[in-house]
C-alpha cells in the first residue's frame, strides 16, 4: 500500500480531529494493515492504545525496545500485558557491539557527562533498534501527547516521519490529557507500571528516571540534570536537525 502524502495527511488530520480513539485506530488498520505497529514502552499512554486496539478484535502489531537498562517493573508490566491481552510483542534490542563500544570507551554513566554523551547513549540503545523495528512498516503509532512537554506541544494526529524515510507517524492521543489517560486506565482496569504508584510520572531507562515531587512537571523525572527543551531521546526528535535541543 502506498505511503501517505502531505495532501492525504492534511485531509486525515482534518477529518479525524474530533474522532474517538477506536475510529482513529480503525482508520489506521484499514489504511496500513500489517504495515503499521504500535511502539510500546508500557507507559499508561501506550497501554490505553493497546487496550483500544485489542477491543477492535482485529489483528494488530506491537513492538518494544529493550534498551538493557529498563526497570524490573517495566518487564513485570510487559508480562502482565501479554497475559491479559495475549499480545505478541516484537522485541528489539541494541546491537551488542554498539553497547560494548560505548561502555568500554566512555564508561557506564557517560550519559550524565554532557548532552552529547546522553544523545550517544540514546542513539545506541534506542535509535538503532528503532530503525530496525520500522524497516518493514509504512506507519507507526505512539502515545505522544501535546501536554507532555514543550518539545511535544505541536504534535499532530498524523505526521510524516522524515527521520525514517517518510513513513507515517500516528499519535492518536495527541489531544488527550494525563487525567483522561488515567481515567481510562482505571475505568478499564488496564495494567499499569507499579512505578507510577511510587511517584513516577514518566518512565524510561532506570538510571535516567526518578519520581517527581507533588508540584513538579511530569517530565521533571526524566534526565533531571537537563533543561526542559532538551528532554528527548531522539525517538521523537531528530538530533541531527537539532530536534530536542
Protein backbone atom coordinates (compact mmCIF):
# COMPACT_ATOMS: atom_id res chain seq x y z
CA UNK A 1 0.00 0.00 0.00
CA UNK A 2 1.32 3.44 -0.88
CA UNK A 3 2.54 5.80 1.80
CA UNK A 4 0.72 8.95 2.80
CA UNK A 5 1.49 12.20 1.05
CA UNK A 6 1.03 15.60 2.63
CA UNK A 7 -2.35 16.14 0.98
CA UNK A 8 -3.77 12.94 2.49
CA UNK A 9 -2.21 13.73 5.88
CA UNK A 10 -3.86 17.14 5.96
CA UNK A 11 -7.22 15.61 4.99
CA UNK A 12 -6.96 12.88 7.64
CA UNK A 13 -5.96 15.35 10.33
CA UNK A 14 -8.98 17.47 9.46
CA UNK A 15 -11.43 14.56 9.22
CA UNK A 16 -10.32 12.80 12.39
CA UNK A 17 -9.62 15.88 14.51
CA UNK A 18 -12.62 15.16 16.76
CA UNK A 19 -12.76 11.38 16.29
CA UNK A 20 -12.76 8.96 19.22
CA UNK A 21 -9.81 6.61 19.68
CA UNK A 22 -11.48 3.49 18.17
CA UNK A 23 -12.31 5.39 14.98
CA UNK A 24 -8.73 6.64 14.64
CA UNK A 25 -7.30 3.17 15.18
CA UNK A 26 -9.79 1.61 12.76
CA UNK A 27 -8.69 4.08 10.10
CA UNK A 28 -5.02 3.21 10.78
CA UNK A 29 -5.62 -0.55 10.47
CA UNK A 30 -7.75 -0.09 7.36
CA UNK A 31 -5.17 2.17 5.75
CA UNK A 32 -1.97 0.29 6.62
CA UNK A 33 -2.94 -3.23 7.66
CA UNK A 34 0.06 -5.24 8.85
CA UNK A 35 2.43 -2.40 7.93
CA UNK A 36 1.51 -0.31 10.96
CA UNK A 37 2.57 -1.13 14.52
CA UNK A 38 2.29 0.38 17.98
CA UNK A 39 5.56 1.36 19.61
CA UNK A 40 5.05 0.32 23.22
CA UNK A 41 7.17 1.32 26.21
CA UNK A 42 4.42 0.04 28.54
CA UNK A 43 3.54 3.57 29.63
CA UNK A 44 -0.07 4.30 30.53
CA UNK A 45 -0.49 6.13 27.22
CA UNK A 46 0.78 3.23 25.14
CA UNK A 47 -1.35 0.72 27.04
CA UNK A 48 -4.52 2.77 26.55
CA UNK A 49 -3.87 2.49 22.81
CA UNK A 50 -3.06 -1.23 23.06
CA UNK A 51 -6.27 -1.85 25.04
CA UNK A 52 -8.29 0.01 22.40
CA UNK A 53 -6.63 -1.94 19.58
CA UNK A 54 -7.44 -5.19 21.35
CA UNK A 55 -11.08 -4.16 21.74
CA UNK A 56 -11.40 -3.85 17.95
CA UNK A 57 -10.93 -7.63 17.69
CA UNK A 58 -8.63 -7.29 14.69
CA UNK A 59 -5.00 -8.31 14.15
CA UNK A 60 -2.51 -5.64 15.17
CA UNK A 61 1.23 -5.40 15.74
CA UNK A 62 3.18 -4.14 18.75
CA UNK A 63 6.92 -3.66 19.08
CA UNK A 64 9.01 -2.72 22.09
CA UNK A 65 12.61 -1.59 22.59
CA UNK A 66 14.56 -3.26 25.38
CA UNK A 67 17.47 -0.87 26.00
CA UNK A 68 19.08 -3.20 28.53
CA UNK A 69 18.61 -0.61 31.29
CA UNK A 70 14.87 -0.55 31.92
CA UNK A 71 13.36 -1.06 35.36
CA UNK A 72 12.37 -4.54 36.54
CA UNK A 73 8.85 -3.17 37.00
CA UNK A 74 8.65 -2.46 33.27
CA UNK A 75 9.37 -6.11 32.48
CA UNK A 76 6.73 -7.14 35.02
CA UNK A 77 4.22 -4.82 33.34
CA UNK A 78 5.05 -6.26 29.93
CA UNK A 79 4.46 -9.77 31.27
CA UNK A 80 1.07 -8.76 32.69
CA UNK A 81 0.09 -7.12 29.40
CA UNK A 82 0.97 -10.26 27.43
CA UNK A 83 -1.05 -12.40 29.87
CA UNK A 84 -4.03 -10.02 29.79
CA UNK A 85 -4.29 -9.48 26.04
CA UNK A 86 -2.45 -12.43 24.54
CA UNK A 87 -0.48 -9.91 22.52
CA UNK A 88 2.72 -10.88 20.77
CA UNK A 89 5.44 -8.29 21.42
CA UNK A 90 8.09 -7.84 18.75
CA UNK A 91 11.15 -7.08 20.93
CA UNK A 92 14.16 -5.19 19.59
CA UNK A 93 17.49 -4.89 21.37
CA UNK A 94 20.54 -2.67 20.82
CA UNK A 95 23.37 -4.11 18.74
CA UNK A 96 25.77 -5.71 21.26
CA UNK A 97 28.90 -4.31 19.62
CA UNK A 98 27.49 -0.79 19.89
CA UNK A 99 26.80 -1.16 23.62
CA UNK A 100 30.22 -2.73 24.22
CA UNK A 101 31.99 0.06 22.33
CA UNK A 102 30.04 2.75 24.18
CA UNK A 103 30.71 1.40 27.67
CA UNK A 104 34.34 0.45 27.04
CA UNK A 105 35.10 3.88 25.59
CA UNK A 106 33.08 6.18 27.82
CA UNK A 107 32.06 4.14 30.88
CA UNK A 108 28.71 3.08 32.33
CA UNK A 109 27.28 6.53 33.10
CA UNK A 110 28.63 8.67 30.28
CA UNK A 111 25.10 9.95 29.58
CA UNK A 112 25.38 12.20 32.65
CA UNK A 113 28.54 13.92 31.43
CA UNK A 114 27.02 16.04 28.68
CA UNK A 115 24.06 16.31 26.31
CA UNK A 116 26.24 14.94 23.53
CA UNK A 117 27.13 11.86 25.57
CA UNK A 118 23.50 11.31 26.55
CA UNK A 119 22.42 11.52 22.91
CA UNK A 120 25.12 8.98 22.07
CA UNK A 121 23.75 6.54 24.64
CA UNK A 122 20.18 7.01 23.42
CA UNK A 123 21.32 6.52 19.84
CA UNK A 124 22.96 3.20 20.67
CA UNK A 125 20.25 1.86 22.97
CA UNK A 126 17.09 3.27 21.35
CA UNK A 127 17.54 4.75 17.90
CA UNK A 128 19.47 1.90 16.28
CA UNK A 129 16.91 -0.76 17.31
CA UNK A 130 14.06 1.60 16.38
CA UNK A 131 15.47 1.90 12.87
CA UNK A 132 15.28 -1.89 12.54
CA UNK A 133 11.78 -2.02 14.03
CA UNK A 134 10.49 0.38 11.39
CA UNK A 135 12.11 -1.25 8.37
CA UNK A 136 9.01 -3.15 7.20
CA UNK A 137 6.45 -0.53 8.25
CA UNK A 138 4.64 2.26 6.43
CA UNK A 139 3.42 3.77 9.71
CA UNK A 140 3.95 3.55 13.46
CA UNK A 141 1.82 4.61 16.42
CA UNK A 142 3.00 6.38 19.56
CA UNK A 143 1.50 7.60 22.83
CA UNK A 144 2.72 11.17 22.39
CA UNK A 145 0.51 13.91 23.86
CA UNK A 146 0.87 17.66 23.42
CA UNK A 147 0.71 18.30 27.14
CA UNK A 148 3.71 16.09 27.92
CA UNK A 149 6.46 18.62 27.28
CA UNK A 150 7.49 21.77 25.42
CA UNK A 151 9.10 19.56 22.78
CA UNK A 152 5.75 17.92 22.00
CA UNK A 153 3.35 20.85 22.03
CA UNK A 154 2.92 20.85 18.23
CA UNK A 155 2.37 17.09 17.79
CA UNK A 156 -0.30 16.27 15.20
CA UNK A 157 -2.53 13.23 14.89
CA UNK A 158 -0.80 12.14 11.68
CA UNK A 159 2.65 13.30 10.63
CA UNK A 160 5.36 12.42 8.16
CA UNK A 161 8.37 10.90 9.89
CA UNK A 162 11.17 12.40 7.82
CA UNK A 163 13.82 10.76 10.02
CA UNK A 164 12.60 7.31 8.93
CA UNK A 165 12.21 7.56 5.21
CA UNK A 166 8.94 9.49 5.17
CA UNK A 167 6.73 6.83 6.75
CA UNK A 168 3.67 8.00 8.66
CA UNK A 169 3.76 8.60 12.40
CA UNK A 170 0.40 8.36 14.15
CA UNK A 171 -0.21 9.98 17.53
CA UNK A 172 -3.82 9.01 18.37
CA UNK A 173 -3.67 10.50 21.89
CA UNK A 174 -2.08 13.79 20.84
CA UNK A 175 -5.02 15.86 22.15
CA UNK A 176 -5.56 13.79 25.32
CA UNK A 177 -4.55 14.77 28.85
CA UNK A 178 -2.93 12.71 31.59
CA UNK A 179 -6.19 12.95 33.51
CA UNK A 180 -8.03 11.35 30.60
CA UNK A 181 -5.42 8.62 30.24
CA UNK A 182 -5.67 7.69 33.92
CA UNK A 183 -9.46 7.82 33.88
CA UNK A 184 -9.45 5.32 31.02
CA UNK A 185 -6.75 3.19 32.65
CA UNK A 186 -8.72 2.88 35.88
CA UNK A 187 -12.10 2.60 34.21
CA UNK A 188 -10.99 -0.29 32.02
CA UNK A 189 -8.63 -1.80 34.61
CA UNK A 190 -5.73 -1.59 32.16
CA UNK A 191 -2.43 -2.87 33.62
CA UNK A 192 -0.02 -0.12 34.61
CA UNK A 193 3.58 0.06 35.71
CA UNK A 194 3.73 -0.01 39.55
CA UNK A 195 6.36 2.74 39.43
CA UNK A 196 3.53 5.19 38.77
CA UNK A 197 2.21 4.35 42.23
CA UNK A 198 5.60 5.34 43.69
CA UNK A 199 5.67 8.86 42.30
CA UNK A 200 6.99 8.29 38.78
CA UNK A 201 5.16 10.22 36.06
CA UNK A 202 7.27 9.33 33.02
CA UNK A 203 9.27 6.11 32.85
CA UNK A 204 12.29 5.36 30.69
CA UNK A 205 15.63 3.75 31.44
CA UNK A 206 16.24 3.21 35.15
CA UNK A 207 19.32 5.47 35.52
CA UNK A 208 17.55 8.34 33.72
CA UNK A 209 14.20 8.21 35.52
CA UNK A 210 13.14 9.13 39.05
CA UNK A 211 9.97 10.04 40.98
CA UNK A 212 8.76 13.63 40.93
CA UNK A 213 7.53 15.95 43.66
CA UNK A 214 3.86 16.95 44.09
CA UNK A 215 4.18 20.16 42.07
CA UNK A 216 6.78 19.15 39.50
CA UNK A 217 6.13 18.77 35.78
CA UNK A 218 5.63 15.11 34.72
CA UNK A 219 8.83 15.21 32.65
CA UNK A 220 10.87 16.52 35.60
CA UNK A 221 11.79 12.96 36.48
CA UNK A 222 13.45 12.33 33.11
CA UNK A 223 17.08 13.45 32.66
CA UNK A 224 16.62 15.84 35.60
CA UNK A 225 20.08 17.34 35.01
CA UNK A 226 18.99 18.76 31.63
CA UNK A 227 16.83 21.69 30.55
CA UNK A 228 13.16 21.02 29.67
CA UNK A 229 13.70 21.73 25.98
CA UNK A 230 16.45 19.09 25.86
CA UNK A 231 14.41 16.19 27.24
CA UNK A 232 14.04 13.94 24.21
CA UNK A 233 15.86 10.70 23.47
CA UNK A 234 15.67 11.03 19.69
CA UNK A 235 12.77 8.63 19.19
CA UNK A 236 10.55 11.65 18.62
CA UNK A 237 13.10 14.31 17.70
CA UNK A 238 15.82 14.29 15.08
CA UNK A 239 19.09 15.12 16.86
CA UNK A 240 20.85 15.65 13.55
CA UNK A 241 18.48 18.51 12.80
CA UNK A 242 18.63 19.96 16.28
CA UNK A 243 15.44 18.29 17.47
CA UNK A 244 15.01 18.07 21.21
CA UNK A 245 17.76 20.60 21.89
